[in-house]
Every structure is written in C-alpha cells, then in structure tokens.
N, C-alpha and C. Protein backbone atom coordinates (compact mmCIF):
# COMPACT_ATOMS: atom_id res chain seq x y z
N MET A 1 24.34 3.25 -0.63
CA MET A 1 23.13 3.63 -1.39
C MET A 1 22.17 2.29 -1.66
N ASN A 2 22.81 1.45 -2.08
CA ASN A 2 22.46 0.25 -2.79
C ASN A 2 22.04 -0.43 -1.47
N ARG A 3 21.95 -0.60 -0.05
CA ARG A 3 22.08 -0.97 1.18
C ARG A 3 20.97 -0.30 1.75
N LEU A 4 20.47 0.69 1.32
CA LEU A 4 19.21 1.54 1.93
C LEU A 4 18.04 1.36 0.78
N ILE A 5 18.13 0.75 -0.38
CA ILE A 5 17.75 0.79 -1.49
C ILE A 5 17.30 -1.03 -1.11
N ALA A 6 17.91 -1.54 -0.95
CA ALA A 6 17.56 -3.21 -0.68
C ALA A 6 17.09 -3.28 0.62
N LEU A 7 16.80 -2.22 1.62
CA LEU A 7 15.98 -2.32 3.27
C LEU A 7 14.69 -1.50 2.52
N LEU A 8 14.75 -0.72 2.06
CA LEU A 8 13.52 -0.42 1.44
C LEU A 8 12.18 -0.95 0.56
N ASP A 9 12.99 -1.51 -0.31
CA ASP A 9 12.64 -2.71 -1.00
C ASP A 9 12.09 -4.13 -0.19
N ALA A 10 12.83 -4.58 0.57
CA ALA A 10 12.67 -5.59 1.54
C ALA A 10 11.48 -5.36 2.33
N LEU A 11 11.19 -3.90 3.00
CA LEU A 11 10.06 -3.75 3.26
C LEU A 11 8.89 -3.74 3.00
N ALA A 12 8.83 -3.14 1.64
CA ALA A 12 7.84 -3.18 1.01
C ALA A 12 7.31 -4.99 0.69
N GLU A 13 8.13 -5.45 0.37
CA GLU A 13 8.69 -6.75 0.15
C GLU A 13 7.80 -8.00 0.95
N HIS A 14 8.65 -7.34 2.52
CA HIS A 14 7.50 -8.10 3.36
C HIS A 14 6.39 -7.49 3.66
N SER A 15 5.80 -6.68 3.94
CA SER A 15 4.65 -5.76 4.29
C SER A 15 3.48 -6.13 3.36
N GLY A 16 3.84 -6.20 1.93
CA GLY A 16 3.12 -6.98 0.76
C GLY A 16 3.06 -8.02 1.25
N ARG A 17 3.76 -9.46 1.68
CA ARG A 17 3.44 -10.74 1.73
C ARG A 17 2.59 -10.76 2.52
N LEU A 18 3.06 -10.46 3.74
CA LEU A 18 2.00 -10.21 5.36
C LEU A 18 1.18 -10.03 4.64
N VAL A 19 0.13 -9.03 4.20
CA VAL A 19 -0.75 -8.59 3.24
C VAL A 19 -1.51 -9.52 2.83
N ALA A 20 -0.92 -10.25 2.14
CA ALA A 20 -1.26 -11.06 1.03
C ALA A 20 -1.96 -12.20 1.90
N TRP A 21 -1.50 -12.62 3.13
CA TRP A 21 -2.42 -13.23 3.98
C TRP A 21 -3.38 -12.82 4.62
N LEU A 22 -3.84 -12.39 4.19
CA LEU A 22 -4.97 -11.07 4.86
C LEU A 22 -6.29 -11.64 4.09
N THR A 23 -5.42 -11.88 2.79
CA THR A 23 -7.03 -12.10 1.68
C THR A 23 -7.52 -13.08 2.49
N TYR A 24 -6.58 -14.32 2.78
CA TYR A 24 -7.07 -15.55 2.88
C TYR A 24 -8.24 -15.44 4.08
N GLY A 25 -7.37 -14.47 5.06
CA GLY A 25 -8.95 -14.11 6.11
C GLY A 25 -10.10 -13.27 5.82
N MET A 26 -9.68 -12.52 4.40
CA MET A 26 -10.97 -12.33 3.96
C MET A 26 -11.98 -12.63 3.35
N VAL A 27 -11.08 -13.61 2.71
CA VAL A 27 -12.43 -15.18 2.14
C VAL A 27 -13.01 -15.95 2.98
N LEU A 28 -12.19 -16.58 4.32
CA LEU A 28 -12.67 -17.51 4.86
C LEU A 28 -13.93 -16.55 5.95
N LEU A 29 -13.60 -15.30 6.19
CA LEU A 29 -14.85 -14.66 6.73
C LEU A 29 -16.33 -14.45 5.50
N THR A 30 -15.53 -14.09 4.40
CA THR A 30 -16.72 -14.14 3.25
C THR A 30 -17.15 -15.13 3.63
N VAL A 31 -17.07 -16.14 3.27
CA VAL A 31 -17.64 -17.45 3.05
C VAL A 31 -18.15 -17.70 4.09
N LEU A 32 -18.17 -18.05 5.84
CA LEU A 32 -18.46 -17.90 6.69
C LEU A 32 -19.57 -16.91 7.00
N THR A 33 -19.71 -15.97 6.35
CA THR A 33 -20.67 -14.63 6.58
C THR A 33 -21.73 -15.46 6.04
N VAL A 34 -21.41 -15.49 4.56
CA VAL A 34 -22.85 -15.71 3.72
C VAL A 34 -23.55 -17.43 4.02
N ALA A 35 -22.38 -18.29 4.66
CA ALA A 35 -22.97 -19.75 4.83
C ALA A 35 -24.27 -19.38 6.13
N LEU A 36 -23.66 -18.89 7.27
CA LEU A 36 -24.46 -18.13 8.59
C LEU A 36 -25.55 -17.58 7.88
N ARG A 37 -25.29 -16.72 7.36
CA ARG A 37 -26.78 -15.72 6.86
C ARG A 37 -27.61 -16.78 5.71
N TYR A 38 -27.13 -17.20 4.91
CA TYR A 38 -28.11 -18.29 3.90
C TYR A 38 -28.48 -19.41 3.95
N GLY A 39 -27.07 -19.92 5.07
CA GLY A 39 -27.79 -21.42 5.97
C GLY A 39 -28.20 -21.57 7.04
N PHE A 40 -27.76 -20.75 8.24
CA PHE A 40 -28.68 -20.45 9.38
C PHE A 40 -29.18 -19.67 9.44
N ARG A 41 -29.33 -18.36 8.70
CA ARG A 41 -30.28 -17.06 9.13
C ARG A 41 -29.37 -16.43 10.34
N LEU A 42 -28.61 -16.32 10.01
CA LEU A 42 -27.55 -15.92 11.32
C LEU A 42 -27.24 -14.60 10.60
N SER A 43 -26.81 -13.15 11.07
CA SER A 43 -26.19 -12.76 11.03
C SER A 43 -25.55 -11.67 11.82
N PHE A 44 -24.04 -11.40 11.84
CA PHE A 44 -23.06 -10.85 12.50
C PHE A 44 -22.29 -9.67 12.30
N THR A 45 -22.69 -8.25 12.74
CA THR A 45 -22.68 -7.08 12.12
C THR A 45 -20.99 -7.42 12.21
N ALA A 46 -20.13 -7.84 13.26
CA ALA A 46 -18.80 -7.77 13.49
C ALA A 46 -17.80 -8.68 12.03
N LEU A 47 -18.32 -10.02 11.99
CA LEU A 47 -17.91 -10.69 10.72
C LEU A 47 -17.96 -9.97 9.62
N GLY A 48 -19.12 -8.58 9.16
CA GLY A 48 -19.00 -7.90 8.35
C GLY A 48 -18.00 -7.24 8.22
N GLU A 49 -18.25 -6.31 9.24
CA GLU A 49 -17.26 -5.17 9.63
C GLU A 49 -15.69 -5.92 9.44
N GLY A 50 -15.54 -6.80 9.86
CA GLY A 50 -13.96 -7.79 9.58
C GLY A 50 -13.77 -8.28 8.35
N VAL A 51 -14.74 -8.01 7.39
CA VAL A 51 -14.23 -8.61 5.77
C VAL A 51 -13.83 -6.92 4.93
N SER A 52 -14.54 -6.08 5.67
CA SER A 52 -14.64 -4.63 5.71
C SER A 52 -13.03 -4.09 6.01
N TYR A 53 -12.45 -4.40 6.86
CA TYR A 53 -11.57 -4.23 7.94
C TYR A 53 -10.35 -5.15 7.20
N LEU A 54 -10.53 -6.04 6.45
CA LEU A 54 -9.65 -6.64 6.43
C LEU A 54 -9.07 -6.26 4.80
N PHE A 55 -10.01 -6.05 3.84
CA PHE A 55 -10.25 -5.10 2.87
C PHE A 55 -9.44 -3.96 2.58
N ALA A 56 -9.68 -3.20 3.74
CA ALA A 56 -9.04 -1.99 3.80
C ALA A 56 -7.54 -2.06 3.97
N MET A 57 -7.52 -2.98 5.02
CA MET A 57 -5.96 -3.13 5.18
C MET A 57 -4.84 -3.91 4.07
N VAL A 58 -5.69 -4.54 2.94
CA VAL A 58 -5.01 -5.29 2.20
C VAL A 58 -4.87 -4.24 1.50
N PHE A 59 -5.51 -3.19 0.58
CA PHE A 59 -5.98 -1.92 0.28
C PHE A 59 -4.72 -1.32 0.42
N MET A 60 -4.48 -0.41 1.31
CA MET A 60 -3.65 0.08 1.73
C MET A 60 -2.68 -0.01 2.48
N LEU A 61 -2.21 -1.40 2.91
CA LEU A 61 -0.83 -2.03 3.17
C LEU A 61 -0.36 -2.64 1.84
N GLY A 62 -0.83 -2.83 1.09
CA GLY A 62 -0.22 -3.43 -0.20
C GLY A 62 -0.31 -2.15 -1.09
N ALA A 63 -0.20 -1.43 -0.75
CA ALA A 63 0.09 -0.65 -2.02
C ALA A 63 1.69 -0.50 -2.03
N ALA A 64 2.18 -0.07 -0.95
CA ALA A 64 3.77 -0.07 -1.40
C ALA A 64 4.66 -1.10 -2.25
N TYR A 65 3.77 -2.22 -1.62
CA TYR A 65 4.31 -3.72 -2.35
C TYR A 65 3.83 -3.75 -3.59
N THR A 66 2.73 -3.02 -4.39
CA THR A 66 2.37 -2.70 -5.68
C THR A 66 3.13 -1.81 -6.34
N LEU A 67 3.34 -0.69 -5.44
CA LEU A 67 4.55 0.20 -6.24
C LEU A 67 5.93 -0.21 -6.72
N LYS A 68 6.46 -1.54 -5.40
CA LYS A 68 8.02 -2.00 -5.86
C LYS A 68 7.62 -3.09 -7.00
N HIS A 69 6.61 -3.67 -7.31
CA HIS A 69 6.63 -4.44 -8.21
C HIS A 69 6.07 -3.63 -9.78
N ASP A 70 5.74 -2.57 -9.46
CA ASP A 70 5.70 -1.95 -10.68
C ASP A 70 4.26 -2.32 -11.40
N ASP A 71 3.01 -2.77 -10.71
CA ASP A 71 1.75 -3.33 -10.75
C ASP A 71 1.21 -1.92 -10.44
N HIS A 72 1.16 -0.42 -10.45
CA HIS A 72 0.29 0.16 -10.48
C HIS A 72 -0.18 0.41 -11.57
N VAL A 73 -1.35 1.46 -12.29
CA VAL A 73 -1.78 1.81 -13.15
C VAL A 73 -1.12 2.83 -13.96
N ARG A 74 -0.73 2.60 -15.18
CA ARG A 74 0.17 3.87 -15.50
C ARG A 74 -0.25 3.52 -17.26
N VAL A 75 0.34 4.60 -18.06
CA VAL A 75 0.40 4.59 -19.28
C VAL A 75 1.27 3.96 -20.07
N ASP A 76 0.98 2.72 -20.10
CA ASP A 76 2.74 2.45 -20.69
C ASP A 76 3.03 2.05 -21.99
N VAL A 77 2.24 3.08 -22.78
CA VAL A 77 2.50 3.25 -24.38
C VAL A 77 4.09 3.56 -24.58
N LEU A 78 4.27 4.57 -23.72
CA LEU A 78 5.94 5.27 -23.55
C LEU A 78 6.69 4.31 -23.19
N TYR A 79 6.51 4.07 -21.92
CA TYR A 79 7.76 3.76 -20.62
C TYR A 79 8.20 2.95 -21.36
N ARG A 80 7.58 1.55 -21.74
CA ARG A 80 8.24 0.62 -22.14
C ARG A 80 9.09 0.72 -23.12
N LYS A 81 9.00 1.60 -23.56
CA LYS A 81 9.71 1.68 -24.97
C LYS A 81 11.38 2.66 -24.91
N LEU A 82 11.11 3.14 -23.14
CA LEU A 82 11.95 3.80 -23.25
C LEU A 82 13.50 2.65 -22.64
N SER A 83 14.24 3.79 -22.70
CA SER A 83 15.82 2.95 -22.12
C SER A 83 15.74 3.14 -20.99
N PRO A 84 16.82 2.47 -19.64
CA PRO A 84 16.36 1.90 -18.61
C PRO A 84 16.87 3.92 -17.95
N ARG A 85 17.48 4.63 -19.20
CA ARG A 85 17.55 5.81 -18.19
C ARG A 85 16.46 7.03 -18.46
N GLY A 86 15.74 6.74 -19.63
CA GLY A 86 14.32 7.30 -20.07
C GLY A 86 13.19 6.91 -18.79
N GLN A 87 13.33 5.54 -18.63
CA GLN A 87 12.78 4.96 -17.10
C GLN A 87 12.53 5.32 -15.72
N ALA A 88 14.35 5.68 -15.62
CA ALA A 88 14.81 6.32 -14.54
C ALA A 88 14.05 7.75 -14.38
N TRP A 89 14.39 8.58 -15.43
CA TRP A 89 13.98 9.98 -15.43
C TRP A 89 12.08 9.82 -15.20
N VAL A 90 11.60 9.16 -16.03
CA VAL A 90 10.11 8.89 -15.58
C VAL A 90 9.46 8.61 -14.18
N ASN A 91 10.45 7.92 -13.23
CA ASN A 91 10.09 6.96 -12.32
C ASN A 91 10.70 8.01 -10.73
N LEU A 92 11.57 9.22 -11.70
CA LEU A 92 12.13 9.89 -10.53
C LEU A 92 11.08 11.27 -10.05
N LEU A 93 10.32 11.71 -11.71
CA LEU A 93 9.82 12.71 -11.57
C LEU A 93 8.56 12.45 -11.00
N GLY A 94 8.00 11.31 -11.75
CA GLY A 94 6.57 10.76 -11.23
C GLY A 94 6.60 10.70 -9.67
N THR A 95 8.05 10.46 -8.93
CA THR A 95 7.84 10.21 -7.67
C THR A 95 8.00 11.46 -7.20
N LEU A 96 8.56 12.38 -7.40
CA LEU A 96 8.78 13.91 -6.78
C LEU A 96 7.15 14.66 -7.41
N LEU A 97 7.33 14.85 -8.31
CA LEU A 97 6.15 15.45 -8.96
C LEU A 97 4.62 14.76 -8.37
N PHE A 98 4.58 13.54 -8.34
CA PHE A 98 3.30 13.05 -8.27
C PHE A 98 3.05 12.20 -6.94
N LEU A 99 3.73 11.36 -6.84
CA LEU A 99 3.69 10.39 -5.50
C LEU A 99 4.08 11.21 -4.29
N TRP A 100 4.94 11.85 -3.73
CA TRP A 100 5.74 12.23 -2.87
C TRP A 100 4.41 13.26 -2.47
N PRO A 101 4.13 14.49 -3.60
CA PRO A 101 2.78 15.25 -3.27
C PRO A 101 1.62 14.93 -2.92
N VAL A 102 1.52 14.10 -3.61
CA VAL A 102 0.01 13.32 -2.85
C VAL A 102 -0.09 12.42 -1.51
N MET A 103 1.17 11.71 -1.47
CA MET A 103 1.03 11.14 0.19
C MET A 103 1.15 12.36 1.04
N GLY A 104 1.78 13.43 0.74
CA GLY A 104 1.83 14.14 1.78
C GLY A 104 0.53 14.26 2.00
N LEU A 105 -0.08 14.86 0.83
CA LEU A 105 -1.69 15.78 0.95
C LEU A 105 -2.17 14.50 1.92
N ILE A 106 -2.24 13.03 1.54
CA ILE A 106 -2.97 12.46 2.53
C ILE A 106 -2.67 12.83 3.73
N LEU A 107 -1.26 12.02 4.07
CA LEU A 107 -1.10 12.82 5.26
C LEU A 107 -1.51 14.05 6.15
N TRP A 108 -1.67 14.91 5.51
CA TRP A 108 -1.86 16.46 6.01
C TRP A 108 -3.21 16.33 5.98
N LEU A 109 -4.10 16.16 5.65
CA LEU A 109 -5.36 16.05 5.53
C LEU A 109 -6.15 15.19 6.57
N SER A 110 -5.50 13.83 6.51
CA SER A 110 -6.24 13.02 7.65
C SER A 110 -5.69 12.89 9.11
N THR A 111 -4.98 13.77 9.23
CA THR A 111 -4.13 13.96 10.25
C THR A 111 -5.11 14.42 11.71
N ASP A 112 -6.25 15.24 11.32
CA ASP A 112 -7.05 15.66 12.13
C ASP A 112 -8.05 14.40 12.23
N TYR A 113 -8.29 13.57 11.43
CA TYR A 113 -9.29 12.95 11.33
C TYR A 113 -9.04 11.60 12.34
N VAL A 114 -7.76 11.32 12.08
CA VAL A 114 -7.05 10.01 13.02
C VAL A 114 -6.99 10.62 13.95
N LEU A 115 -6.26 11.81 14.40
CA LEU A 115 -6.43 12.27 15.83
C LEU A 115 -7.51 11.94 16.64
N ALA A 116 -8.86 12.48 15.81
CA ALA A 116 -9.91 12.79 16.50
C ALA A 116 -10.86 11.38 16.96
N SER A 117 -10.48 10.63 15.64
CA SER A 117 -10.70 8.75 16.12
C SER A 117 -9.79 8.40 17.28
N TRP A 118 -8.67 8.44 17.34
CA TRP A 118 -7.68 7.76 18.67
C TRP A 118 -8.61 8.28 19.89
N SER A 119 -9.10 9.99 20.12
CA SER A 119 -9.01 10.60 20.90
C SER A 119 -9.77 10.25 21.92
N LEU A 120 -11.10 9.71 20.75
CA LEU A 120 -12.29 8.71 21.17
C LEU A 120 -12.20 7.12 21.43
N LEU A 121 -11.29 6.61 20.76
CA LEU A 121 -11.18 5.29 20.54
C LEU A 121 -12.03 4.84 20.47
N GLU A 122 -12.16 5.36 18.98
CA GLU A 122 -13.59 5.01 18.03
C GLU A 122 -13.72 4.12 18.02
N GLY A 123 -15.42 3.47 17.71
CA GLY A 123 -15.70 1.96 17.71
C GLY A 123 -16.71 2.15 16.61
N SER A 124 -17.54 1.03 16.63
CA SER A 124 -18.14 0.63 15.28
C SER A 124 -19.33 1.80 15.92
N ARG A 125 -20.14 1.90 15.22
CA ARG A 125 -21.77 2.82 15.40
C ARG A 125 -22.40 1.57 15.73
N GLU A 126 -22.04 0.77 15.01
CA GLU A 126 -23.12 -0.81 15.10
C GLU A 126 -23.19 -1.28 16.10
N PRO A 127 -24.47 -1.90 16.40
CA PRO A 127 -24.59 -2.50 17.94
C PRO A 127 -23.75 -4.05 16.99
N GLY A 128 -22.74 -4.42 18.24
CA GLY A 128 -22.00 -5.76 18.04
C GLY A 128 -21.06 -5.71 16.98
N GLY A 129 -21.23 -4.29 16.25
CA GLY A 129 -19.62 -3.93 15.57
C GLY A 129 -18.19 -4.01 16.20
N LEU A 130 -17.16 -3.93 15.53
CA LEU A 130 -15.70 -3.58 16.05
C LEU A 130 -15.47 -2.82 16.41
N PRO A 131 -14.73 -2.57 17.28
CA PRO A 131 -14.37 -1.43 18.35
C PRO A 131 -13.28 -0.63 17.66
N PHE A 132 -12.87 -1.18 17.04
CA PHE A 132 -11.26 -0.72 16.49
C PHE A 132 -11.45 -0.09 15.55
N VAL A 133 -11.89 1.28 15.18
CA VAL A 133 -11.99 1.75 13.85
C VAL A 133 -11.04 2.99 13.99
N TYR A 134 -10.45 3.59 15.06
CA TYR A 134 -9.20 4.17 15.25
C TYR A 134 -8.29 3.54 14.80
N LEU A 135 -8.22 2.51 14.92
CA LEU A 135 -7.14 1.30 14.25
C LEU A 135 -7.30 1.61 12.33
N LEU A 136 -9.03 1.48 12.50
CA LEU A 136 -8.64 0.82 10.92
C LEU A 136 -8.14 2.23 9.98
N LYS A 137 -8.68 3.66 10.64
CA LYS A 137 -8.22 4.80 10.33
C LYS A 137 -6.66 5.30 10.52
N SER A 138 -6.34 4.67 11.27
CA SER A 138 -5.01 4.80 11.55
C SER A 138 -4.13 4.53 10.26
N LEU A 139 -4.31 3.64 9.10
CA LEU A 139 -4.02 3.14 8.20
C LEU A 139 -4.13 4.32 6.97
N LEU A 140 -4.43 4.89 7.23
CA LEU A 140 -4.38 6.54 6.36
C LEU A 140 -3.30 7.31 6.62
N TRP A 141 -2.58 7.01 7.84
CA TRP A 141 -0.84 7.47 8.11
C TRP A 141 0.03 6.07 7.56
N VAL A 142 -0.07 5.14 7.93
CA VAL A 142 0.55 3.51 7.54
C VAL A 142 0.72 3.38 5.81
N MET A 143 -0.75 3.84 5.20
CA MET A 143 -0.09 3.77 3.93
C MET A 143 0.44 4.83 2.70
N PRO A 144 0.35 6.08 3.46
CA PRO A 144 1.20 7.01 2.83
C PRO A 144 2.72 6.72 3.19
N ALA A 145 3.16 6.85 4.52
CA ALA A 145 4.26 6.66 4.81
C ALA A 145 4.85 5.57 3.83
N LEU A 146 4.36 4.32 3.96
CA LEU A 146 5.01 3.12 3.11
C LEU A 146 5.44 2.88 1.98
N MET A 147 4.44 4.13 1.12
CA MET A 147 4.74 4.49 0.27
C MET A 147 5.12 5.99 -0.18
N ILE A 148 5.65 6.46 0.74
CA ILE A 148 6.78 7.43 0.62
C ILE A 148 7.95 6.70 0.87
N LEU A 149 8.39 5.85 1.74
CA LEU A 149 9.39 4.94 1.69
C LEU A 149 10.25 4.55 0.39
N GLN A 150 8.91 3.59 -0.39
CA GLN A 150 9.21 2.89 -1.15
C GLN A 150 9.59 3.85 -2.18
N GLY A 151 8.55 5.13 -2.48
CA GLY A 151 9.27 6.08 -3.44
C GLY A 151 10.58 5.99 -3.17
N LEU A 152 11.34 6.22 -2.20
CA LEU A 152 12.34 6.92 -1.70
C LEU A 152 13.13 5.96 -2.38
N ALA A 153 12.78 4.44 -2.33
CA ALA A 153 13.87 3.61 -3.16
C ALA A 153 14.12 3.90 -4.21
N ASP A 154 12.99 3.85 -4.89
CA ASP A 154 12.61 4.38 -6.38
C ASP A 154 13.50 5.73 -6.65
N VAL A 155 13.44 7.04 -5.96
CA VAL A 155 14.43 7.62 -6.44
C VAL A 155 15.51 7.27 -6.33
N LEU A 156 16.34 6.95 -5.51
CA LEU A 156 17.70 6.41 -5.04
C LEU A 156 17.68 5.38 -5.94
N ARG A 157 17.33 4.56 -6.61
CA ARG A 157 17.06 3.58 -7.50
C ARG A 157 17.49 4.27 -9.60
N SER A 158 17.02 5.65 -9.24
CA SER A 158 16.52 6.00 -10.44
C SER A 158 17.44 7.00 -10.57
N ILE A 159 18.35 7.64 -9.50
CA ILE A 159 18.99 8.85 -9.29
C ILE A 159 20.56 7.63 -9.99
N ALA A 160 20.65 6.73 -8.95
CA ALA A 160 22.25 5.50 -9.27
C ALA A 160 22.01 5.20 -11.04
N ILE A 161 20.98 5.04 -11.64
CA ILE A 161 20.38 4.94 -12.67
C ILE A 161 21.09 5.77 -13.68
N LEU A 162 20.72 6.76 -13.46
CA LEU A 162 21.22 8.32 -14.22
C LEU A 162 22.62 8.59 -13.71
N ARG A 163 23.20 8.28 -12.66
CA ARG A 163 24.85 8.91 -12.75
C ARG A 163 25.67 7.53 -13.16
N GLY A 164 24.83 6.16 -13.52
CA GLY A 164 25.73 5.28 -14.33
C GLY A 164 26.13 4.00 -13.61
N ALA A 165 25.75 4.09 -12.43
CA ALA A 165 25.92 2.93 -11.37
C ALA A 165 24.71 2.05 -11.72
N THR A 166 25.32 1.05 -11.14
CA THR A 166 24.19 -0.49 -10.87
C THR A 166 23.38 0.20 -9.63
N PRO A 167 22.24 0.20 -9.71
CA PRO A 167 21.38 0.36 -8.32
C PRO A 167 21.32 -1.04 -7.99
N ALA A 168 20.65 -1.50 -6.86
CA ALA A 168 20.20 -2.46 -6.38
C ALA A 168 18.90 -3.17 -7.30
N PRO A 169 18.75 -3.94 -7.54
CA PRO A 169 17.85 -4.40 -8.44
C PRO A 169 16.23 -4.47 -7.98
N ALA A 170 14.80 -3.83 -8.65
CA ALA A 170 13.95 -4.08 -8.57
C ALA A 170 13.48 -4.94 -9.68
N ASP A 171 12.27 -5.31 -9.07
CA ASP A 171 12.10 -6.26 -10.07
C ASP A 171 11.14 -5.84 -11.49
N HIS A 172 10.82 -4.52 -11.17
CA HIS A 172 9.83 -3.83 -12.26
C HIS A 172 11.19 -3.19 -13.21
N LEU A 173 12.08 -3.33 -12.76
CA LEU A 173 12.80 -2.41 -13.73
C LEU A 173 13.73 -3.01 -15.03
N ARG A 174 13.58 -3.01 -16.28
CA ARG A 174 14.03 -3.61 -17.79
C ARG A 174 15.59 -4.21 -17.74
N THR A 175 15.58 -5.16 -17.88
CA THR A 175 17.15 -5.70 -18.21
C THR A 175 18.09 -5.59 -19.56
N GLU A 176 16.58 -5.83 -20.53
CA GLU A 176 17.26 -5.98 -21.44
C GLU A 176 18.01 -4.25 -21.98
N VAL A 177 18.52 -3.99 -22.64
CA VAL A 177 19.59 -2.93 -23.06
C VAL A 177 19.06 -2.50 -24.38
C-alpha cells in the first residue's frame, strides 16, 4: 500500500512542479503582451489567449499538487488541534463525502461539453486566436482525474493511520503526537 501511496503522491508532485514552470511562461507572455500593446500599439489575440490558457493549466493541473501539500482552503480551527488519527478521519471522510463526489460530478457534467469540443476540434472564435480550445476544455477531465488519484493516496494513508500502520509520509501530516 505504501508503494501505491508514494506513486500517487509522486504523480501529484511531478505534475505540480511541471505546472509551476508554466507560471513563468504566463508572466513572460503577460509582460510581452503589455509591452507590445502600450509600447508599440500592437495587439495579438493569441498572446492574450495564451495567458488565459496558461492560467487555466496552472489552476487545473496544480490542484492535485495543492491537495497533496494540504494547501487547499479548509476550516482549520479544529483540524490542526486533532491527533493524527482525528486528522485521518477528517481526511478520509472529506475525500469520500466531498472530494470524490464533486470530482465525479465535474467529470460527468463536463463529458458532453468536452466531447462536443473534440468533435469540432474547436478553436478560438476570435480572429488570430489559438486553435486548441478542445485541448483546454480537456482539462475538465484531467483535473478531476488527478484529484481523484491524489484523493486515493490520502484515503489509503488515512486507512493506514487508522489501522495503526505507518503510511508513506505526506508533507501535510503532523509529526508531533
């Protein structure tokens, strides 16, 4: 079980670190867009859309990494005061009752939307825009899939803790008793 937890954690870690590099591209494209617009009075639709695409990729593909590092918004008033077993229960129930159902709903509700986009190989509606809207919309499948997999790592880790075993460590679990 620890090997599977470590493998799933590694997937989230690598995807998050890869996505972090996209933020540099997003900043560079933004600077270029602003410099061209205000310095040379030039505007390119593809550059503006490129910034939006990169932002969507950072947000959607970085979600599992954020979950792995426990950086999602949470009401921490009680959670941080709980024992590791109490935190394991919160993580287990939160994943089973909230994370997985919501991610499943996103997958289900986005299926027709994504498939329609792929059937048209949808591109930008703007002249000079990017032709890959269908790939961008595919993030609606990739993000929940990554979140479900990271949720599985958290579920397995929580079960191990509740059974008294020592699971593969995660960055966000407490070490003090």
